[in-house]
Amino acid sequence: MPWLAYFRTKRRARVEARRTRFILAVLSLIACWVPSVARGDDFEPPPPAGQSSAESGRVAVELKQEVSGYADTDAVSVFTPALEATLRDPLAGWSATGSYLVDVVSAASVDIVSTASEHWTEVRHVGALSAEYSPSEVKLGVSGSVSSEPDYLSLSGGGTLSLELADKTVTPIVGYSYTHDTSGRTGTPFSVYSLELVRHSAQAGLELILDPSTLVTLVADAMFESGRQEKPYRFVPLFSPDVVGRVPAGASVAQVNALRLPGRVAEHDPDSRNRFAVAARLAQRLAGSTFVITERVYGDDWGLKASTTDLRILMDASRRVFIWTHLRGHIQSGVSFWQRAYSAQAVTDGVEVPALRTGDRELGPLWSGTFGGGLRWLIGRDTRPDAWSLLLQSEVSTTSFRDTLFIQNRQAFFNSLEVEAKF
């Protein structure tokens, strides 16, 4: 939850929420497997004198409450209150977590203006449950979530299995999840109009503790999607073949309307997509700080290729205060059927349009950069400083769309404040 990431549209909100949960899980693993790494966002002080960790293994309760906000230069804003609760029994080896968040999304972006729609505000509800059980060297995990909007419903569930080997220095992990998404139009029942998408995701990874202060994680992901990928509200302007070359990158709504053919067509993507990614992560404990770097390489059968580099430096400012900085860079190519301006050819019985067409600039060539940081302040009593914590995070990002209509650059700003309690 504390790493809720960037939102731009409803689609991006859903994707980034999943990415956020993945980052949080990885950082938690760092804390579990490298005890000497004292990080700003999950620091665990030793038990009171005379009491071992096992003796303090009663059922513990952790509560988190977060309020975050996002805004960008494409007139999209998101306000997100969120709650999370965890029950944990270290002796029995189990834990259970439940979370709930609400996204209040308000938008008047150029995409809405370009289709003559009005400003809109929408609310998204997300609930999730997860549990882990580790009776010995084996750890089992299950999870499920529901995401609901007036025109969208997503149901997902999955599980993970890990095994501790070589005195817990080698841990292979496998996982699987299933997601079913249904998209429609506000005010229209799904029984009348809906687009369905099914997603199977598989993951295999290996964690290696090289020494008491060094952790290496290798992960391979595969995702297989089938169903309708296009968005119900997204329409694509068409141009005659002799005009296409005159449509500049970043063309305004007025320019597009002056050059395009009458009418618009709904976007249409392939009905299946196979995605693959590999990632490597190094966590290194230094004197008073922790260095975490991740590199991820991605490719899919739509022709999109991407590379993402993520760097975090977490520093111990004092026994109670921990700060971190965050740098992220992402670059990608466009999908094979990407075109800045799609042409339509007049034929005897109408207009011939491209079979595949999209107006989603996130499928085009782009690069983005993120810079930010955060602070965690332990405000509990001296006997247990981490009983109460305050977390503050702020990030700014910039994205350059190299071959799109309407906008070529977008800046985004994200801030969050979290209160955490442990009992």
Foldseek 3Di string as FASTA:
>chain_A
DVQQDDDDDPVRNVVSVVVSVVVVVVVVVCCVQQVVAQFFPDGFDAAFPPAHPLNVQDWKKKKKWKWKKKDKPQFKIKTKIKIKMKIGGVNQAKMKMKMKMKIWMWGDGLQCVLVVHHTDIWMKIKIKMKMWGDNDQKIKMKMWMWIDIQFKIKTKIKMKIWGQPDPNQKIKMKMKMKMKMWGGDHPDDVVVPIWIKIKIKIKIKMWGDPDSFKIKIKMKMKMKMFIFDFHPPGWAFAAAPVCQVVQAFAAASVRSVVGTDPDTGGAGADRMKMKIKIKMWMWGDDVQKIKIKMWMWIDMPQGKTKIKIKIKMKGDPDPFKIKMKIKMKMWMAAGPPDAQHWYWDADPVGIHGDPGYDQDLVRHTKMKMKIWMKMKGQCDDPSGSNQKIKIKIKMKMKMARDRHYNDGIMIMIMIMIMIMGMD
